[in-house]
Amino acid sequence: MAILSTINPVANSDFTINLTLLPNIYWTTFSGIKTTYKRPTYNDGLAQIQRTGSGGTQENANITISKPYDPESDDAINSFLADHEEGVAFDMSITPIKRSATGEVQGRGTKSWKLTGCKLASSELMASIDTGDGSKTVVTTLEFSYESATFA
């Protein structure tokens, strides 16, 4: 059993989200990694209980990342979209970080999530424009599928 004093959770702000081909873009949101497992079911005929068998298929839900739109630095995103709209695969990583007493960013441990075989599913550029409300931020969002996710 975990003791509360040994648990060291990670805050939402303690991650870096990097697309391998866009290393200098600061992404602020990440939808998370969700996998659905579809298993065969059967009834043994006697117990009147639906049972779940082994095997089956695995389906990875699409990933969404987003960031505030910056017209002066987001040209790299436009080039990335043009280069990958035909389904060219790319990789990304999500790394837990911590800040030192001087504010320096350091990796938290030696592992990070690696998503490989990513392919664009959709993009939304300059979303949420509302010229009547200056309190909102314009957002750029990318959605993509991936083949595998490993924490290594």
C-alpha atoms as a PDB file:
ATOM      1  CA  MET A   1       0.000   0.000   0.000  1.00  0.00           C
ATOM      2  CA  ALA A   2       1.313   3.456  -0.907  1.00  0.00           C
ATOM      3  CA  ILE A   3       1.958   5.841   1.916  1.00  0.00           C
ATOM      4  CA  LEU A   4       0.911   9.418   1.254  1.00  0.00           C
ATOM      5  CA  SER A   5       4.387  10.734   2.025  1.00  0.00           C
ATOM      6  CA  THR A   6       5.880   8.525  -0.736  1.00  0.00           C
ATOM      7  CA  ILE A   7       3.543   9.736  -3.473  1.00  0.00           C
ATOM      8  CA  ASN A   8       4.987  12.498  -5.624  1.00  0.00           C
ATOM      9  CA  PRO A   9       2.323  13.405  -8.215  1.00  0.00           C
ATOM     10  CA  VAL A  10       3.042  15.462 -11.306  1.00  0.00           C
ATOM     11  CA  ALA A  11       1.264  18.782 -11.859  1.00  0.00           C
ATOM     12  CA  ASN A  12      -0.258  19.579 -15.254  1.00  0.00           C
ATOM     13  CA  SER A  13       2.410  22.198 -15.880  1.00  0.00           C
ATOM     14  CA  ASP A  14       5.240  19.718 -15.298  1.00  0.00           C
ATOM     15  CA  PHE A  15       5.435  18.263 -18.804  1.00  0.00           C
ATOM     16  CA  THR A  16       7.029  19.124 -22.118  1.00  0.00           C
ATOM     17  CA  ILE A  17       5.195  18.035 -25.262  1.00  0.00           C
ATOM     18  CA  ASN A  18       7.461  17.714 -28.312  1.00  0.00           C
ATOM     19  CA  LEU A  19       6.865  16.672 -31.890  1.00  0.00           C
ATOM     20  CA  THR A  20      10.170  15.362 -33.220  1.00  0.00           C
ATOM     21  CA  LEU A  21       9.961  17.572 -36.319  1.00  0.00           C
ATOM     22  CA  LEU A  22       8.824  20.689 -34.416  1.00  0.00           C
ATOM     23  CA  PRO A  23      11.326  20.860 -31.539  1.00  0.00           C
ATOM     24  CA  ASN A  24      10.973  24.578 -30.788  1.00  0.00           C
ATOM     25  CA  ILE A  25       7.166  24.772 -30.568  1.00  0.00           C
ATOM     26  CA  TYR A  26       5.740  24.924 -27.034  1.00  0.00           C
ATOM     27  CA  TRP A  27       2.516  22.879 -26.897  1.00  0.00           C
ATOM     28  CA  THR A  28       0.343  23.570 -23.865  1.00  0.00           C
ATOM     29  CA  THR A  29      -2.362  20.870 -23.868  1.00  0.00           C
ATOM     30  CA  PHE A  30      -2.342  17.126 -24.469  1.00  0.00           C
ATOM     31  CA  SER A  31      -5.477  14.960 -24.501  1.00  0.00           C
ATOM     32  CA  GLY A  32      -3.842  11.885 -22.969  1.00  0.00           C
ATOM     33  CA  ILE A  33      -3.205   8.330 -24.102  1.00  0.00           C
ATOM     34  CA  LYS A  34      -6.333   6.183 -24.254  1.00  0.00           C
ATOM     35  CA  THR A  35      -6.413   2.582 -25.422  1.00  0.00           C
ATOM     36  CA  THR A  36      -9.562   0.486 -25.776  1.00  0.00           C
ATOM     37  CA  TYR A  37      -9.363  -3.301 -25.718  1.00  0.00           C
ATOM     38  CA  LYS A  38     -12.057  -5.315 -27.480  1.00  0.00           C
ATOM     39  CA  ARG A  39     -12.214  -8.871 -26.164  1.00  0.00           C
ATOM     40  CA  PRO A  40     -14.376 -11.771 -27.339  1.00  0.00           C
ATOM     41  CA  THR A  41     -17.238 -12.689 -25.012  1.00  0.00           C
ATOM     42  CA  TYR A  42     -19.005 -15.992 -24.559  1.00  0.00           C
ATOM     43  CA  ASN A  43     -21.619 -17.681 -22.407  1.00  0.00           C
ATOM     44  CA  ASP A  44     -20.701 -21.101 -20.992  1.00  0.00           C
ATOM     45  CA  GLY A  45     -24.333 -22.181 -21.216  1.00  0.00           C
ATOM     46  CA  LEU A  46     -24.638 -23.243 -17.585  1.00  0.00           C
ATOM     47  CA  ALA A  47     -23.912 -20.250 -15.372  1.00  0.00           C
ATOM     48  CA  GLN A  48     -25.868 -17.681 -17.414  1.00  0.00           C
ATOM     49  CA  ILE A  49     -22.879 -15.356 -17.063  1.00  0.00           C
ATOM     50  CA  GLN A  50     -21.316 -13.520 -19.959  1.00  0.00           C
ATOM     51  CA  ARG A  51     -17.556 -14.142 -19.758  1.00  0.00           C
ATOM     52  CA  THR A  52     -14.656 -12.377 -21.428  1.00  0.00           C
ATOM     53  CA  GLY A  53     -12.024 -14.339 -23.311  1.00  0.00           C
ATOM     54  CA  SER A  54      -8.380 -13.610 -23.987  1.00  0.00           C
ATOM     55  CA  GLY A  55      -6.987 -11.968 -27.093  1.00  0.00           C
ATOM     56  CA  GLY A  56      -8.960  -9.486 -29.130  1.00  0.00           C
ATOM     57  CA  THR A  57      -7.999  -6.165 -30.613  1.00  0.00           C
ATOM     58  CA  GLN A  58      -6.533  -2.933 -29.332  1.00  0.00           C
ATOM     59  CA  GLU A  59      -7.631   0.502 -30.524  1.00  0.00           C
ATOM     60  CA  ASN A  60      -5.706   3.679 -29.741  1.00  0.00           C
ATOM     61  CA  ALA A  61      -7.848   6.822 -29.514  1.00  0.00           C
ATOM     62  CA  ASN A  62      -6.577   9.843 -31.423  1.00  0.00           C
ATOM     63  CA  ILE A  63      -4.320  12.281 -29.568  1.00  0.00           C
ATOM     64  CA  THR A  64      -4.988  16.028 -29.515  1.00  0.00           C
ATOM     65  CA  ILE A  65      -2.389  18.689 -28.744  1.00  0.00           C
ATOM     66  CA  SER A  66      -2.887  22.437 -28.809  1.00  0.00           C
ATOM     67  CA  LYS A  67      -1.217  25.739 -28.086  1.00  0.00           C
ATOM     68  CA  PRO A  68      -1.972  29.441 -28.207  1.00  0.00           C
ATOM     69  CA  TYR A  69      -1.632  30.744 -31.767  1.00  0.00           C
ATOM     70  CA  ASP A  70       1.429  32.901 -32.438  1.00  0.00           C
ATOM     71  CA  PRO A  71       1.552  34.305 -35.994  1.00  0.00           C
ATOM     72  CA  GLU A  72       5.224  35.175 -35.654  1.00  0.00           C
ATOM     73  CA  SER A  73       6.469  31.712 -34.680  1.00  0.00           C
ATOM     74  CA  ASP A  74       3.845  29.266 -35.978  1.00  0.00           C
ATOM     75  CA  ASP A  75       4.987  29.236 -39.602  1.00  0.00           C
ATOM     76  CA  ALA A  76       6.841  25.992 -38.811  1.00  0.00           C
ATOM     77  CA  ILE A  77       3.477  24.394 -37.990  1.00  0.00           C
ATOM     78  CA  ASN A  78       2.102  25.392 -41.411  1.00  0.00           C
ATOM     79  CA  SER A  79       5.135  23.800 -43.103  1.00  0.00           C
ATOM     80  CA  PHE A  80       4.766  20.680 -40.941  1.00  0.00           C
ATOM     81  CA  LEU A  81       1.098  20.344 -41.941  1.00  0.00           C
ATOM     82  CA  ALA A  82       1.924  20.704 -45.634  1.00  0.00           C
ATOM     83  CA  ASP A  83       4.650  18.053 -45.344  1.00  0.00           C
ATOM     84  CA  HIS A  84       2.458  15.556 -43.444  1.00  0.00           C
ATOM     85  CA  GLU A  85      -1.027  15.987 -44.932  1.00  0.00           C
ATOM     86  CA  GLU A  86      -0.536  12.869 -47.082  1.00  0.00           C
ATOM     87  CA  GLY A  87      -0.071  10.654 -44.008  1.00  0.00           C
ATOM     88  CA  VAL A  88       3.696  10.753 -43.548  1.00  0.00           C
ATOM     89  CA  ALA A  89       4.430   9.302 -40.095  1.00  0.00           C
ATOM     90  CA  PHE A  90       6.211  11.231 -37.339  1.00  0.00           C
ATOM     91  CA  ASP A  91       7.040  10.689 -33.659  1.00  0.00           C
ATOM     92  CA  MET A  92       6.421  12.686 -30.509  1.00  0.00           C
ATOM     93  CA  SER A  93       7.350  12.582 -26.825  1.00  0.00           C
ATOM     94  CA  ILE A  94       5.762  13.719 -23.573  1.00  0.00           C
ATOM     95  CA  THR A  95       8.342  14.177 -20.822  1.00  0.00           C
ATOM     96  CA  PRO A  96       7.742  14.786 -17.108  1.00  0.00           C
ATOM     97  CA  ILE A  97       9.903  17.693 -15.924  1.00  0.00           C
ATOM     98  CA  LYS A  98      10.776  19.550 -12.768  1.00  0.00           C
ATOM     99  CA  ARG A  99      12.287  22.932 -12.126  1.00  0.00           C
ATOM    100  CA  SER A 100      15.374  23.501 -10.033  1.00  0.00           C
ATOM    101  CA  ALA A 101      15.597  26.198  -7.354  1.00  0.00           C
ATOM    102  CA  THR A 102      17.035  28.511 -10.030  1.00  0.00           C
ATOM    103  CA  GLY A 103      14.147  27.797 -12.429  1.00  0.00           C
ATOM    104  CA  GLU A 104      16.136  25.503 -14.742  1.00  0.00           C
ATOM    105  CA  VAL A 105      14.012  22.789 -16.427  1.00  0.00           C
ATOM    106  CA  GLN A 106      15.216  19.245 -15.767  1.00  0.00           C
ATOM    107  CA  GLY A 107      13.856  15.857 -16.729  1.00  0.00           C
ATOM    108  CA  ARG A 108      11.995  14.120 -13.934  1.00  0.00           C
ATOM    109  CA  GLY A 109      13.639  10.725 -13.951  1.00  0.00           C
ATOM    110  CA  THR A 110      15.017   9.326 -17.179  1.00  0.00           C
ATOM    111  CA  LYS A 111      11.812   8.187 -18.900  1.00  0.00           C
ATOM    112  CA  SER A 112       9.291   9.836 -21.172  1.00  0.00           C
ATOM    113  CA  TRP A 113       6.291   8.722 -23.220  1.00  0.00           C
ATOM    114  CA  LYS A 114       7.258   8.019 -26.833  1.00  0.00           C
ATOM    115  CA  LEU A 115       4.490   7.920 -29.439  1.00  0.00           C
ATOM    116  CA  THR A 116       5.547   6.436 -32.763  1.00  0.00           C
ATOM    117  CA  GLY A 117       3.849   6.102 -36.122  1.00  0.00           C
ATOM    118  CA  CYS A 118       1.841   9.301 -35.636  1.00  0.00           C
ATOM    119  CA  LYS A 119      -0.263  10.470 -38.591  1.00  0.00           C
ATOM    120  CA  LEU A 120      -2.338  13.639 -38.874  1.00  0.00           C
ATOM    121  CA  ALA A 121      -6.094  13.188 -38.488  1.00  0.00           C
ATOM    122  CA  SER A 122      -7.114  16.870 -38.379  1.00  0.00           C
ATOM    123  CA  SER A 123      -5.852  20.362 -37.732  1.00  0.00           C
ATOM    124  CA  GLU A 124      -7.589  23.495 -36.542  1.00  0.00           C
ATOM    125  CA  LEU A 125      -5.732  26.746 -37.008  1.00  0.00           C
ATOM    126  CA  MET A 126      -6.613  30.056 -35.367  1.00  0.00           C
ATOM    127  CA  ALA A 127      -9.636  28.597 -33.563  1.00  0.00           C
ATOM    128  CA  SER A 128     -11.770  30.620 -31.171  1.00  0.00           C
ATOM    129  CA  ILE A 129     -11.352  34.018 -32.810  1.00  0.00           C
ATOM    130  CA  ASP A 130     -13.800  36.417 -31.207  1.00  0.00           C
ATOM    131  CA  THR A 131     -12.884  40.052 -31.831  1.00  0.00           C
ATOM    132  CA  GLY A 132     -15.506  41.161 -29.326  1.00  0.00           C
ATOM    133  CA  ASP A 133     -13.850  39.348 -26.402  1.00  0.00           C
ATOM    134  CA  GLY A 134     -10.210  40.180 -25.758  1.00  0.00           C
ATOM    135  CA  SER A 135      -9.977  37.791 -22.797  1.00  0.00           C
ATOM    136  CA  LYS A 136      -9.859  34.673 -25.002  1.00  0.00           C
ATOM    137  CA  THR A 137      -6.797  33.180 -26.664  1.00  0.00           C
ATOM    138  CA  VAL A 138      -6.714  32.013 -30.280  1.00  0.00           C
ATOM    139  CA  VAL A 139      -5.700  28.351 -30.428  1.00  0.00           C
ATOM    140  CA  THR A 140      -3.940  25.963 -32.840  1.00  0.00           C
ATOM    141  CA  THR A 141      -4.921  22.297 -32.452  1.00  0.00           C
ATOM    142  CA  LEU A 142      -3.552  19.126 -34.065  1.00  0.00           C
ATOM    143  CA  GLU A 143      -5.192  15.715 -33.845  1.00  0.00           C
ATOM    144  CA  PHE A 144      -3.421  12.544 -34.893  1.00  0.00           C
ATOM    145  CA  SER A 145      -3.465   8.785 -34.659  1.00  0.00           C
ATOM    146  CA  TYR A 146      -0.506   6.775 -33.401  1.00  0.00           C
ATOM    147  CA  GLU A 147       0.646   3.174 -33.651  1.00  0.00           C
ATOM    148  CA  SER A 148       2.362   2.662 -30.322  1.00  0.00           C
ATOM    149  CA  ALA A 149       3.040   4.390 -27.014  1.00  0.00           C
ATOM    150  CA  THR A 150       5.814   3.352 -24.653  1.00  0.00           C
ATOM    151  CA  PHE A 151       7.115   4.799 -21.404  1.00  0.00           C
ATOM    152  CA  ALA A 152      10.847   4.270 -21.591  1.00  0.00           C
END
